[in-house]
PDB file of all heavy atoms in Angstrom:
ATOM      1  N   LEU A   1       0.844  -1.173   0.024  1.00  0.00           N
ATOM      2  CA  LEU A   1       0.018   0.005  -0.005  1.00  0.00           C
ATOM      3  C   LEU A   1       0.851   1.281  -0.021  1.00  0.00           C
ATOM      4  O   LEU A   1       1.787   1.351   0.791  1.00  0.00           O
ATOM      5  CB  LEU A   1      -0.880   0.031   1.272  1.00  0.00           C
ATOM      6  CG  LEU A   1      -1.763  -1.213   1.501  1.00  0.00           C
ATOM      7  CD1 LEU A   1      -2.407  -1.173   2.913  1.00  0.00           C
ATOM      8  CD2 LEU A   1      -2.822  -1.418   0.437  1.00  0.00           C
ATOM      9  N   LEU A   2       0.580   2.191  -0.837  1.00  0.00           N
ATOM     10  CA  LEU A   2       1.362   3.426  -0.960  1.00  0.00           C
ATOM     11  C   LEU A   2       0.414   4.624  -1.054  1.00  0.00           C
ATOM     12  O   LEU A   2      -0.366   4.652  -1.884  1.00  0.00           O
ATOM     13  CB  LEU A   2       2.331   3.353  -2.184  1.00  0.00           C
ATOM     14  CG  LEU A   2       3.258   2.168  -2.256  1.00  0.00           C
ATOM     15  CD1 LEU A   2       2.725   1.219  -3.315  1.00  0.00           C
ATOM     16  CD2 LEU A   2       4.703   2.533  -2.580  1.00  0.00           C
ATOM     17  N   ASP A   3       0.719   5.581  -0.231  1.00  0.00           N
ATOM     18  CA  ASP A   3      -0.103   6.843  -0.272  1.00  0.00           C
ATOM     19  C   ASP A   3       0.800   7.932  -0.924  1.00  0.00           C
ATOM     20  O   ASP A   3       1.726   8.412  -0.356  1.00  0.00           O
ATOM     21  CB  ASP A   3      -0.484   7.255   1.142  1.00  0.00           C
ATOM     22  CG  ASP A   3      -1.426   8.411   1.200  1.00  0.00           C
ATOM     23  OD1 ASP A   3      -2.023   8.739   0.096  1.00  0.00           O
ATOM     24  OD2 ASP A   3      -1.602   9.024   2.237  1.00  0.00           O
ATOM     25  N   GLU A   4       0.437   8.282  -2.175  1.00  0.00           N
ATOM     26  CA  GLU A   4       1.198   9.340  -2.888  1.00  0.00           C
ATOM     27  C   GLU A   4       2.647   9.060  -2.897  1.00  0.00           C
ATOM     28  O   GLU A   4       3.443   9.875  -2.418  1.00  0.00           O
ATOM     29  CB  GLU A   4       0.870  10.725  -2.358  1.00  0.00           C
ATOM     30  CG  GLU A   4      -0.544  11.168  -2.492  1.00  0.00           C
ATOM     31  CD  GLU A   4      -0.838  11.723  -3.884  1.00  0.00           C
ATOM     32  OE1 GLU A   4       0.070  11.810  -4.695  1.00  0.00           O
ATOM     33  OE2 GLU A   4      -1.982  12.035  -4.101  1.00  0.00           O
ATOM     34  N   PRO A   5       3.143   7.900  -3.398  1.00  0.00           N
ATOM     35  CA  PRO A   5       4.515   7.491  -3.236  1.00  0.00           C
ATOM     36  C   PRO A   5       5.522   8.368  -4.047  1.00  0.00           C
ATOM     37  O   PRO A   5       6.719   8.333  -3.692  1.00  0.00           O
ATOM     38  CB  PRO A   5       4.550   6.063  -3.802  1.00  0.00           C
ATOM     39  CG  PRO A   5       3.391   6.019  -4.746  1.00  0.00           C
ATOM     40  CD  PRO A   5       2.323   6.862  -4.199  1.00  0.00           C
ATOM     41  N   THR A   6       5.046   9.107  -5.019  1.00  0.00           N
ATOM     42  CA  THR A   6       6.030   9.917  -5.797  1.00  0.00           C
ATOM     43  C   THR A   6       5.878  11.404  -5.648  1.00  0.00           C
ATOM     44  O   THR A   6       6.402  12.209  -6.401  1.00  0.00           O
ATOM     45  CB  THR A   6       5.837   9.587  -7.333  1.00  0.00           C
ATOM     46  OG1 THR A   6       4.521   9.905  -7.723  1.00  0.00           O
ATOM     47  CG2 THR A   6       6.094   8.076  -7.513  1.00  0.00           C
ATOM     48  N   VAL A   7       5.146  11.798  -4.582  1.00  0.00           N
ATOM     49  CA  VAL A   7       4.809  13.256  -4.467  1.00  0.00           C
ATOM     50  C   VAL A   7       6.038  14.148  -4.310  1.00  0.00           C
ATOM     51  O   VAL A   7       6.071  15.309  -4.773  1.00  0.00           O
ATOM     52  CB  VAL A   7       3.838  13.467  -3.281  1.00  0.00           C
ATOM     53  CG1 VAL A   7       4.555  13.165  -1.936  1.00  0.00           C
ATOM     54  CG2 VAL A   7       3.267  14.834  -3.287  1.00  0.00           C
ATOM     55  N   HIS A   8       7.181  13.670  -3.744  1.00  0.00           N
ATOM     56  CA  HIS A   8       8.361  14.476  -3.570  1.00  0.00           C
ATOM     57  C   HIS A   8       9.462  14.141  -4.630  1.00  0.00           C
ATOM     58  O   HIS A   8      10.528  14.726  -4.498  1.00  0.00           O
ATOM     59  CB  HIS A   8       8.950  14.240  -2.185  1.00  0.00           C
ATOM     60  CG  HIS A   8       8.065  14.625  -1.034  1.00  0.00           C
ATOM     61  ND1 HIS A   8       7.557  15.894  -0.883  1.00  0.00           N
ATOM     62  CD2 HIS A   8       7.535  13.950  -0.023  1.00  0.00           C
ATOM     63  CE1 HIS A   8       6.799  15.979   0.163  1.00  0.00           C
ATOM     64  NE2 HIS A   8       6.769  14.786   0.707  1.00  0.00           N
ATOM     65  N   LEU A   9       9.168  13.368  -5.611  1.00  0.00           N
ATOM     66  CA  LEU A   9      10.195  12.924  -6.513  1.00  0.00           C
ATOM     67  C   LEU A   9      10.154  13.766  -7.823  1.00  0.00           C
ATOM     68  O   LEU A   9       9.090  14.182  -8.270  1.00  0.00           O
ATOM     69  CB  LEU A   9       9.950  11.451  -6.889  1.00  0.00           C
ATOM     70  CG  LEU A   9       9.919  10.458  -5.706  1.00  0.00           C
ATOM     71  CD1 LEU A   9       9.833   9.058  -6.205  1.00  0.00           C
ATOM     72  CD2 LEU A   9      11.256  10.587  -4.885  1.00  0.00           C
ATOM     73  N   ASP A  10      11.407  13.826  -8.400  1.00  0.00           N
ATOM     74  CA  ASP A  10      11.446  14.544  -9.730  1.00  0.00           C
ATOM     75  C   ASP A  10      10.962  13.559 -10.816  1.00  0.00           C
ATOM     76  O   ASP A  10      10.663  12.373 -10.492  1.00  0.00           O
ATOM     77  CB  ASP A  10      12.849  15.012 -10.027  1.00  0.00           C
ATOM     78  CG  ASP A  10      13.885  13.887  -9.934  1.00  0.00           C
ATOM     79  OD1 ASP A  10      13.505  12.772 -10.175  1.00  0.00           O
ATOM     80  OD2 ASP A  10      15.112  14.225  -9.714  1.00  0.00           O
ATOM     81  N   VAL A  11      10.873  14.007 -11.997  1.00  0.00           N
ATOM     82  CA  VAL A  11      10.278  13.192 -13.060  1.00  0.00           C
ATOM     83  C   VAL A  11      11.061  11.859 -13.266  1.00  0.00           C
ATOM     84  O   VAL A  11      10.450  10.803 -13.405  1.00  0.00           O
ATOM     85  CB  VAL A  11      10.271  13.948 -14.434  1.00  0.00           C
ATOM     86  CG1 VAL A  11       9.842  13.053 -15.571  1.00  0.00           C
ATOM     87  CG2 VAL A  11       9.347  15.141 -14.314  1.00  0.00           C
ATOM     88  N   SER A  12      12.370  11.923 -13.234  1.00  0.00           N
ATOM     89  CA  SER A  12      13.221  10.698 -13.474  1.00  0.00           C
ATOM     90  C   SER A  12      12.967   9.700 -12.382  1.00  0.00           C
ATOM     91  O   SER A  12      12.752   8.528 -12.650  1.00  0.00           O
ATOM     92  CB  SER A  12      14.712  11.088 -13.487  1.00  0.00           C
ATOM     93  OG  SER A  12      15.529   9.976 -13.596  1.00  0.00           O
ATOM     94  N   ASN A  13      12.975  10.131 -11.134  1.00  0.00           N
ATOM     95  CA  ASN A  13      12.783   9.242  -9.979  1.00  0.00           C
ATOM     96  C   ASN A  13      11.351   8.746  -9.927  1.00  0.00           C
ATOM     97  O   ASN A  13      11.062   7.598  -9.569  1.00  0.00           O
ATOM     98  CB  ASN A  13      13.122   9.823  -8.731  1.00  0.00           C
ATOM     99  CG  ASN A  13      14.641   9.831  -8.459  1.00  0.00           C
ATOM    100  OD1 ASN A  13      15.329   8.850  -8.731  1.00  0.00           O
ATOM    101  ND2 ASN A  13      15.226  10.949  -8.024  1.00  0.00           N
ATOM    102  N   LYS A  14      10.390   9.624 -10.306  1.00  0.00           N
ATOM    103  CA  LYS A  14       8.939   9.227 -10.339  1.00  0.00           C
ATOM    104  C   LYS A  14       8.805   8.079 -11.333  1.00  0.00           C
ATOM    105  O   LYS A  14       8.161   7.044 -11.037  1.00  0.00           O
ATOM    106  CB  LYS A  14       8.076  10.411 -10.794  1.00  0.00           C
ATOM    107  CG  LYS A  14       6.585  10.098 -10.818  1.00  0.00           C
ATOM    108  CD  LYS A  14       5.809  11.315 -11.263  1.00  0.00           C
ATOM    109  CE  LYS A  14       5.853  12.410 -10.279  1.00  0.00           C
ATOM    110  NZ  LYS A  14       4.925  13.493 -10.636  1.00  0.00           N
ATOM    111  N   THR A  15       9.351   8.213 -12.521  1.00  0.00           N
ATOM    112  CA  THR A  15       9.284   7.148 -13.542  1.00  0.00           C
ATOM    113  C   THR A  15       9.906   5.905 -13.055  1.00  0.00           C
ATOM    114  O   THR A  15       9.423   4.790 -13.262  1.00  0.00           O
ATOM    115  CB  THR A  15       9.914   7.650 -14.883  1.00  0.00           C
ATOM    116  OG1 THR A  15       9.255   8.818 -15.283  1.00  0.00           O
ATOM    117  CG2 THR A  15       9.804   6.584 -15.949  1.00  0.00           C
ATOM    118  N   MET A  16      11.072   5.998 -12.386  1.00  0.00           N
ATOM    119  CA  MET A  16      11.782   4.777 -11.889  1.00  0.00           C
ATOM    120  C   MET A  16      10.951   4.063 -10.901  1.00  0.00           C
ATOM    121  O   MET A  16      10.859   2.843 -10.969  1.00  0.00           O
ATOM    122  CB  MET A  16      13.123   5.262 -11.293  1.00  0.00           C
ATOM    123  CG  MET A  16      14.027   4.091 -10.801  1.00  0.00           C
ATOM    124  SD  MET A  16      13.667   3.639  -9.070  1.00  0.00           S
ATOM    125  CE  MET A  16      14.555   4.984  -8.279  1.00  0.00           C
ATOM    126  N   ILE A  17      10.330   4.799  -9.974  1.00  0.00           N
ATOM    127  CA  ILE A  17       9.519   4.148  -8.930  1.00  0.00           C
ATOM    128  C   ILE A  17       8.308   3.464  -9.616  1.00  0.00           C
ATOM    129  O   ILE A  17       7.936   2.309  -9.249  1.00  0.00           O
ATOM    130  CB  ILE A  17       9.071   5.160  -7.895  1.00  0.00           C
ATOM    131  CG1 ILE A  17      10.267   5.614  -7.038  1.00  0.00           C
ATOM    132  CG2 ILE A  17       7.989   4.553  -6.988  1.00  0.00           C
ATOM    133  CD1 ILE A  17      10.952   4.512  -6.293  1.00  0.00           C
ATOM    134  N   MET A  18       7.678   4.095 -10.541  1.00  0.00           N
ATOM    135  CA  MET A  18       6.460   3.504 -11.205  1.00  0.00           C
ATOM    136  C   MET A  18       6.922   2.245 -11.985  1.00  0.00           C
ATOM    137  O   MET A  18       6.179   1.276 -11.982  1.00  0.00           O
ATOM    138  CB  MET A  18       5.818   4.494 -12.077  1.00  0.00           C
ATOM    139  CG  MET A  18       5.100   5.580 -11.346  1.00  0.00           C
ATOM    140  SD  MET A  18       3.870   4.873 -10.157  1.00  0.00           S
ATOM    141  CE  MET A  18       3.508   6.310  -9.131  1.00  0.00           C
ATOM    142  N   GLN A  19       8.038   2.324 -12.641  1.00  0.00           N
ATOM    143  CA  GLN A  19       8.504   1.166 -13.365  1.00  0.00           C
ATOM    144  C   GLN A  19       8.856  -0.011 -12.426  1.00  0.00           C
ATOM    145  O   GLN A  19       8.542  -1.198 -12.666  1.00  0.00           O
ATOM    146  CB  GLN A  19       9.728   1.507 -14.197  1.00  0.00           C
ATOM    147  CG  GLN A  19       9.432   2.400 -15.389  1.00  0.00           C
ATOM    148  CD  GLN A  19      10.717   2.793 -16.150  1.00  0.00           C
ATOM    149  OE1 GLN A  19      11.768   2.820 -15.573  1.00  0.00           O
ATOM    150  NE2 GLN A  19      10.573   3.149 -17.334  1.00  0.00           N
ATOM    151  N   LEU A  20       9.367   0.333 -11.238  1.00  0.00           N
ATOM    152  CA  LEU A  20       9.601  -0.686 -10.208  1.00  0.00           C
ATOM    153  C   LEU A  20       8.345  -1.292  -9.720  1.00  0.00           C
ATOM    154  O   LEU A  20       8.218  -2.559  -9.552  1.00  0.00           O
ATOM    155  CB  LEU A  20      10.315  -0.016  -9.053  1.00  0.00           C
ATOM    156  CG  LEU A  20      10.552  -0.839  -7.787  1.00  0.00           C
ATOM    157  CD1 LEU A  20      11.455  -2.040  -8.045  1.00  0.00           C
ATOM    158  CD2 LEU A  20      11.172   0.024  -6.658  1.00  0.00           C
ATOM    159  N   LEU A  21       7.274  -0.478  -9.543  1.00  0.00           N
ATOM    160  CA  LEU A  21       6.041  -1.048  -9.026  1.00  0.00           C
ATOM    161  C   LEU A  21       5.366  -1.931 -10.065  1.00  0.00           C
ATOM    162  O   LEU A  21       4.781  -2.971  -9.782  1.00  0.00           O
ATOM    163  CB  LEU A  21       5.067   0.127  -8.639  1.00  0.00           C
ATOM    164  CG  LEU A  21       5.533   0.971  -7.446  1.00  0.00           C
ATOM    165  CD1 LEU A  21       4.534   2.086  -7.207  1.00  0.00           C
ATOM    166  CD2 LEU A  21       5.733   0.142  -6.213  1.00  0.00           C
ATOM    167  N   VAL A  22       5.465  -1.529 -11.334  1.00  0.00           N
ATOM    168  CA  VAL A  22       4.912  -2.350 -12.402  1.00  0.00           C
ATOM    169  C   VAL A  22       5.671  -3.716 -12.479  1.00  0.00           C
ATOM    170  O   VAL A  22       5.018  -4.763 -12.575  1.00  0.00           O
ATOM    171  CB  VAL A  22       5.009  -1.643 -13.774  1.00  0.00           C
ATOM    172  CG1 VAL A  22       4.665  -2.592 -14.913  1.00  0.00           C
ATOM    173  CG2 VAL A  22       4.068  -0.434 -13.843  1.00  0.00           C
ATOM    174  N   ASN A  23       6.960  -3.652 -12.298  1.00  0.00           N
ATOM    175  CA  ASN A  23       7.743  -4.912 -12.275  1.00  0.00           C
ATOM    176  C   ASN A  23       7.375  -5.789 -11.109  1.00  0.00           C
ATOM    177  O   ASN A  23       7.232  -7.007 -11.295  1.00  0.00           O
ATOM    178  CB  ASN A  23       9.261  -4.582 -12.215  1.00  0.00           C
ATOM    179  CG  ASN A  23      10.097  -5.752 -12.172  1.00  0.00           C
ATOM    180  OD1 ASN A  23      10.087  -6.637 -13.043  1.00  0.00           O
ATOM    181  ND2 ASN A  23      10.899  -5.868 -11.097  1.00  0.00           N
ATOM    182  N   LEU A  24       7.149  -5.222  -9.987  1.00  0.00           N
ATOM    183  CA  LEU A  24       6.710  -5.988  -8.807  1.00  0.00           C
ATOM    184  C   LEU A  24       5.362  -6.673  -9.025  1.00  0.00           C
ATOM    185  O   LEU A  24       5.172  -7.823  -8.675  1.00  0.00           O
ATOM    186  CB  LEU A  24       6.688  -5.144  -7.565  1.00  0.00           C
ATOM    187  CG  LEU A  24       8.021  -4.699  -6.974  1.00  0.00           C
ATOM    188  CD1 LEU A  24       7.793  -3.576  -5.917  1.00  0.00           C
ATOM    189  CD2 LEU A  24       8.802  -5.819  -6.408  1.00  0.00           C
ATOM    190  N   ALA A  25       4.497  -5.971  -9.655  1.00  0.00           N
ATOM    191  CA  ALA A  25       3.116  -6.536  -9.875  1.00  0.00           C
ATOM    192  C   ALA A  25       3.213  -7.602 -10.965  1.00  0.00           C
ATOM    193  O   ALA A  25       2.656  -8.714 -10.776  1.00  0.00           O
ATOM    194  CB  ALA A  25       2.158  -5.461 -10.321  1.00  0.00           C
ATOM    195  N   LYS A  26       3.849  -7.307 -12.086  1.00  0.00           N
ATOM    196  CA  LYS A  26       3.768  -8.231 -13.256  1.00  0.00           C
ATOM    197  C   LYS A  26       4.764  -9.431 -13.145  1.00  0.00           C
ATOM    198  O   LYS A  26       4.421 -10.536 -13.520  1.00  0.00           O
ATOM    199  CB  LYS A  26       4.053  -7.424 -14.561  1.00  0.00           C
ATOM    200  CG  LYS A  26       3.085  -6.328 -14.738  1.00  0.00           C
ATOM    201  CD  LYS A  26       1.621  -6.809 -14.611  1.00  0.00           C
ATOM    202  CE  LYS A  26       0.682  -5.670 -14.529  1.00  0.00           C
ATOM    203  NZ  LYS A  26      -0.671  -6.108 -14.096  1.00  0.00           N
ATOM    204  N   ASN A  27       5.998  -9.144 -12.676  1.00  0.00           N
ATOM    205  CA  ASN A  27       6.988 -10.205 -12.648  1.00  0.00           C
ATOM    206  C   ASN A  27       7.137 -10.882 -11.341  1.00  0.00           C
ATOM    207  O   ASN A  27       7.692 -11.974 -11.278  1.00  0.00           O
ATOM    208  CB  ASN A  27       8.336  -9.596 -13.096  1.00  0.00           C
ATOM    209  CG  ASN A  27       8.288  -9.087 -14.534  1.00  0.00           C
ATOM    210  OD1 ASN A  27       7.642  -9.665 -15.318  1.00  0.00           O
ATOM    211  ND2 ASN A  27       8.977  -8.030 -14.785  1.00  0.00           N
ATOM    212  N   HIS A  28       6.663 -10.248 -10.248  1.00  0.00           N
ATOM    213  CA  HIS A  28       6.800 -10.812  -8.900  1.00  0.00           C
ATOM    214  C   HIS A  28       5.429 -11.075  -8.241  1.00  0.00           C
ATOM    215  O   HIS A  28       5.407 -11.526  -7.101  1.00  0.00           O
ATOM    216  CB  HIS A  28       7.647  -9.992  -7.986  1.00  0.00           C
ATOM    217  CG  HIS A  28       9.022  -9.815  -8.487  1.00  0.00           C
ATOM    218  ND1 HIS A  28      10.018 -10.715  -8.242  1.00  0.00           N
ATOM    219  CD2 HIS A  28       9.655  -8.865  -9.266  1.00  0.00           C
ATOM    220  CE1 HIS A  28      11.155 -10.354  -8.806  1.00  0.00           C
ATOM    221  NE2 HIS A  28      10.923  -9.198  -9.490  1.00  0.00           N
ATOM    222  N   GLN A  29       4.357 -10.798  -8.995  1.00  0.00           N
ATOM    223  CA  GLN A  29       3.009 -11.055  -8.536  1.00  0.00           C
ATOM    224  C   GLN A  29       2.636 -10.415  -7.246  1.00  0.00           C
ATOM    225  O   GLN A  29       1.861 -10.987  -6.434  1.00  0.00           O
ATOM    226  CB  GLN A  29       2.733 -12.589  -8.538  1.00  0.00           C
ATOM    227  CG  GLN A  29       2.658 -13.198  -9.888  1.00  0.00           C
ATOM    228  CD  GLN A  29       1.479 -12.740 -10.718  1.00  0.00           C
ATOM    229  OE1 GLN A  29       0.385 -13.108 -10.437  1.00  0.00           O
ATOM    230  NE2 GLN A  29       1.787 -11.906 -11.744  1.00  0.00           N
ATOM    231  N   LYS A  30       3.188  -9.266  -6.983  1.00  0.00           N
ATOM    232  CA  LYS A  30       2.748  -8.460  -5.814  1.00  0.00           C
ATOM    233  C   LYS A  30       1.433  -7.761  -6.114  1.00  0.00           C
ATOM    234  O   LYS A  30       1.237  -7.318  -7.295  1.00  0.00           O
ATOM    235  CB  LYS A  30       3.851  -7.475  -5.362  1.00  0.00           C
ATOM    236  CG  LYS A  30       5.159  -8.108  -4.969  1.00  0.00           C
ATOM    237  CD  LYS A  30       4.965  -8.972  -3.737  1.00  0.00           C
ATOM    238  CE  LYS A  30       6.319  -9.528  -3.332  1.00  0.00           C
ATOM    239  NZ  LYS A  30       6.193 -10.496  -2.188  1.00  0.00           N
ATOM    240  N   SER A  31       0.607  -7.589  -5.181  1.00  0.00           N
ATOM    241  CA  SER A  31      -0.613  -6.770  -5.358  1.00  0.00           C
ATOM    242  C   SER A  31      -0.348  -5.377  -4.822  1.00  0.00           C
ATOM    243  O   SER A  31       0.023  -5.238  -3.630  1.00  0.00           O
ATOM    244  CB  SER A  31      -1.818  -7.414  -4.618  1.00  0.00           C
ATOM    245  OG  SER A  31      -2.003  -8.728  -5.111  1.00  0.00           O
ATOM    246  N   ILE A  32      -0.569  -4.359  -5.633  1.00  0.00           N
ATOM    247  CA  ILE A  32      -0.179  -3.002  -5.246  1.00  0.00           C
ATOM    248  C   ILE A  32      -1.366  -2.079  -5.361  1.00  0.00           C
ATOM    249  O   ILE A  32      -2.032  -2.067  -6.371  1.00  0.00           O
ATOM    250  CB  ILE A  32       0.972  -2.527  -6.177  1.00  0.00           C
ATOM    251  CG1 ILE A  32       2.225  -3.427  -5.983  1.00  0.00           C
ATOM    252  CG2 ILE A  32       1.325  -1.021  -5.867  1.00  0.00           C
ATOM    253  CD1 ILE A  32       3.321  -3.151  -6.975  1.00  0.00           C
ATOM    254  N   LEU A  33      -1.559  -1.383  -4.269  1.00  0.00           N
ATOM    255  CA  LEU A  33      -2.607  -0.313  -4.216  1.00  0.00           C
ATOM    256  C   LEU A  33      -2.024   0.990  -3.835  1.00  0.00           C
ATOM    257  O   LEU A  33      -1.377   1.052  -2.775  1.00  0.00           O
ATOM    258  CB  LEU A  33      -3.708  -0.725  -3.177  1.00  0.00           C
ATOM    259  CG  LEU A  33      -4.873   0.255  -3.024  1.00  0.00           C
ATOM    260  CD1 LEU A  33      -5.686   0.329  -4.322  1.00  0.00           C
ATOM    261  CD2 LEU A  33      -5.772  -0.179  -1.879  1.00  0.00           C
ATOM    262  N   LEU A  34      -2.100   2.009  -4.671  1.00  0.00           N
ATOM    263  CA  LEU A  34      -1.536   3.316  -4.368  1.00  0.00           C
ATOM    264  C   LEU A  34      -2.523   4.413  -4.671  1.00  0.00           C
ATOM    265  O   LEU A  34      -3.408   4.282  -5.517  1.00  0.00           O
ATOM    266  CB  LEU A  34      -0.234   3.531  -5.206  1.00  0.00           C
ATOM    267  CG  LEU A  34      -0.382   3.738  -6.680  1.00  0.00           C
ATOM    268  CD1 LEU A  34       0.721   4.668  -7.214  1.00  0.00           C
ATOM    269  CD2 LEU A  34      -0.271   2.366  -7.435  1.00  0.00           C
ATOM    270  N   SER A  35      -2.397   5.493  -3.931  1.00  0.00           N
ATOM    271  CA  SER A  35      -3.170   6.644  -4.259  1.00  0.00           C
ATOM    272  C   SER A  35      -2.314   7.639  -4.982  1.00  0.00           C
ATOM    273  O   SER A  35      -1.102   7.662  -4.858  1.00  0.00           O
ATOM    274  CB  SER A  35      -3.700   7.325  -2.987  1.00  0.00           C
ATOM    275  OG  SER A  35      -2.633   7.806  -2.176  1.00  0.00           O
ATOM    276  N   SER A  36      -2.922   8.469  -5.862  1.00  0.00           N
ATOM    277  CA  SER A  36      -2.240   9.435  -6.686  1.00  0.00           C
ATOM    278  C   SER A  36      -3.179  10.480  -7.180  1.00  0.00           C
ATOM    279  O   SER A  36      -4.370  10.299  -7.143  1.00  0.00           O
ATOM    280  CB  SER A  36      -1.555   8.723  -7.857  1.00  0.00           C
ATOM    281  OG  SER A  36      -0.910   9.566  -8.745  1.00  0.00           O
ATOM    282  N   HIS A  37      -2.569  11.576  -7.627  1.00  0.00           N
ATOM    283  CA  HIS A  37      -3.312  12.632  -8.355  1.00  0.00           C
ATOM    284  C   HIS A  37      -3.000  12.587  -9.857  1.00  0.00           C
ATOM    285  O   HIS A  37      -3.543  13.445 -10.555  1.00  0.00           O
ATOM    286  CB  HIS A  37      -3.044  13.998  -7.775  1.00  0.00           C
ATOM    287  CG  HIS A  37      -3.691  14.206  -6.408  1.00  0.00           C
ATOM    288  ND1 HIS A  37      -2.969  14.000  -5.210  1.00  0.00           N
ATOM    289  CD2 HIS A  37      -4.872  14.603  -6.095  1.00  0.00           C
ATOM    290  CE1 HIS A  37      -3.752  14.203  -4.233  1.00  0.00           C
ATOM    291  NE2 HIS A  37      -4.938  14.639  -4.651  1.00  0.00           N
ATOM    292  N   ASP A  38      -2.003  11.760 -10.256  1.00  0.00           N
ATOM    293  CA  ASP A  38      -1.525  11.812 -11.637  1.00  0.00           C
ATOM    294  C   ASP A  38      -2.323  10.864 -12.509  1.00  0.00           C
ATOM    295  O   ASP A  38      -1.962   9.711 -12.763  1.00  0.00           O
ATOM    296  CB  ASP A  38      -0.040  11.369 -11.582  1.00  0.00           C
ATOM    297  CG  ASP A  38       0.654  11.701 -12.922  1.00  0.00           C
ATOM    298  OD1 ASP A  38      -0.093  11.781 -13.950  1.00  0.00           O
ATOM    299  OD2 ASP A  38       1.888  11.867 -12.968  1.00  0.00           O
ATOM    300  N   LEU A  39      -3.474  11.351 -12.937  1.00  0.00           N
ATOM    301  CA  LEU A  39      -4.347  10.505 -13.853  1.00  0.00           C
ATOM    302  C   LEU A  39      -3.603  10.095 -15.115  1.00  0.00           C
ATOM    303  O   LEU A  39      -3.760   8.935 -15.552  1.00  0.00           O
ATOM    304  CB  LEU A  39      -5.574  11.316 -14.222  1.00  0.00           C
ATOM    305  CG  LEU A  39      -6.528  10.637 -15.240  1.00  0.00           C
ATOM    306  CD1 LEU A  39      -7.031   9.337 -14.748  1.00  0.00           C
ATOM    307  CD2 LEU A  39      -7.684  11.626 -15.615  1.00  0.00           C
ATOM    308  N   ASN A  40      -2.768  10.972 -15.687  1.00  0.00           N
ATOM    309  CA  ASN A  40      -2.102  10.633 -16.937  1.00  0.00           C
ATOM    310  C   ASN A  40      -1.197   9.445 -16.734  1.00  0.00           C
ATOM    311  O   ASN A  40      -1.275   8.479 -17.530  1.00  0.00           O
ATOM    312  CB  ASN A  40      -1.373  11.866 -17.447  1.00  0.00           C
ATOM    313  CG  ASN A  40      -0.655  11.567 -18.763  1.00  0.00           C
ATOM    314  OD1 ASN A  40      -1.302  11.125 -19.753  1.00  0.00           O
ATOM    315  ND2 ASN A  40       0.662  11.857 -18.829  1.00  0.00           N
ATOM    316  N   MET A  41      -0.380   9.471 -15.743  1.00  0.00           N
ATOM    317  CA  MET A  41       0.531   8.358 -15.510  1.00  0.00           C
ATOM    318  C   MET A  41      -0.201   7.091 -15.097  1.00  0.00           C
ATOM    319  O   MET A  41       0.070   6.008 -15.532  1.00  0.00           O
ATOM    320  CB  MET A  41       1.573   8.689 -14.472  1.00  0.00           C
ATOM    321  CG  MET A  41       2.541   7.550 -14.159  1.00  0.00           C
ATOM    322  SD  MET A  41       3.932   8.004 -13.135  1.00  0.00           S
ATOM    323  CE  MET A  41       5.022   8.890 -14.309  1.00  0.00           C
ATOM    324  N   MET A  42      -1.168   7.266 -14.194  1.00  0.00           N
ATOM    325  CA  MET A  42      -1.905   6.103 -13.667  1.00  0.00           C
ATOM    326  C   MET A  42      -2.734   5.395 -14.798  1.00  0.00           C
ATOM    327  O   MET A  42      -2.857   4.178 -14.816  1.00  0.00           O
ATOM    328  CB  MET A  42      -2.898   6.493 -12.562  1.00  0.00           C
ATOM    329  CG  MET A  42      -2.113   6.892 -11.323  1.00  0.00           C
ATOM    330  SD  MET A  42      -0.956   5.683 -10.701  1.00  0.00           S
ATOM    331  CE  MET A  42       0.536   6.519 -11.003  1.00  0.00           C
ATOM    332  N   SER A  43      -3.236   6.151 -15.752  1.00  0.00           N
ATOM    333  CA  SER A  43      -3.989   5.598 -16.849  1.00  0.00           C
ATOM    334  C   SER A  43      -3.052   4.732 -17.792  1.00  0.00           C
ATOM    335  O   SER A  43      -3.523   3.888 -18.509  1.00  0.00           O
ATOM    336  CB  SER A  43      -4.723   6.667 -17.658  1.00  0.00           C
ATOM    337  OG  SER A  43      -3.743   7.518 -18.293  1.00  0.00           O
ATOM    338  N   GLN A  44      -1.724   5.013 -17.640  1.00  0.00           N
ATOM    339  CA  GLN A  44      -0.806   4.246 -18.542  1.00  0.00           C
ATOM    340  C   GLN A  44      -0.360   2.946 -17.808  1.00  0.00           C
ATOM    341  O   GLN A  44      -0.094   1.934 -18.462  1.00  0.00           O
ATOM    342  CB  GLN A  44       0.417   5.055 -18.791  1.00  0.00           C
ATOM    343  CG  GLN A  44       0.154   6.273 -19.680  1.00  0.00           C
ATOM    344  CD  GLN A  44       1.408   7.109 -19.926  1.00  0.00           C
ATOM    345  OE1 GLN A  44       2.371   6.607 -20.473  1.00  0.00           O
ATOM    346  NE2 GLN A  44       1.406   8.337 -19.497  1.00  0.00           N
ATOM    347  N   ILE A  45      -0.233   2.960 -16.462  1.00  0.00           N
ATOM    348  CA  ILE A  45       0.324   1.809 -15.853  1.00  0.00           C
ATOM    349  C   ILE A  45      -0.609   0.959 -14.957  1.00  0.00           C
ATOM    350  O   ILE A  45      -0.358  -0.196 -14.719  1.00  0.00           O
ATOM    351  CB  ILE A  45       1.497   2.235 -14.936  1.00  0.00           C
ATOM    352  CG1 ILE A  45       0.979   2.972 -13.717  1.00  0.00           C
ATOM    353  CG2 ILE A  45       2.526   3.032 -15.699  1.00  0.00           C
ATOM    354  CD1 ILE A  45       2.053   3.154 -12.601  1.00  0.00           C
ATOM    355  N   ALA A  46      -1.781   1.521 -14.563  1.00  0.00           N
ATOM    356  CA  ALA A  46      -2.662   0.833 -13.660  1.00  0.00           C
ATOM    357  C   ALA A  46      -3.514  -0.198 -14.352  1.00  0.00           C
ATOM    358  O   ALA A  46      -4.048   0.076 -15.440  1.00  0.00           O
ATOM    359  CB  ALA A  46      -3.564   1.806 -12.927  1.00  0.00           C
TER     360      ALA A  46
END
């Protein structure tokens, strides 16, 4: 569970964290629930 996990991160680190979460879900079968205000990014990865 993550509450606004990228709120303090710059674009590069934000992308890195999101790629990490996608990898954990798809390749390691973790279930991930996060809150965000970034509809554009979330519509691409969620």
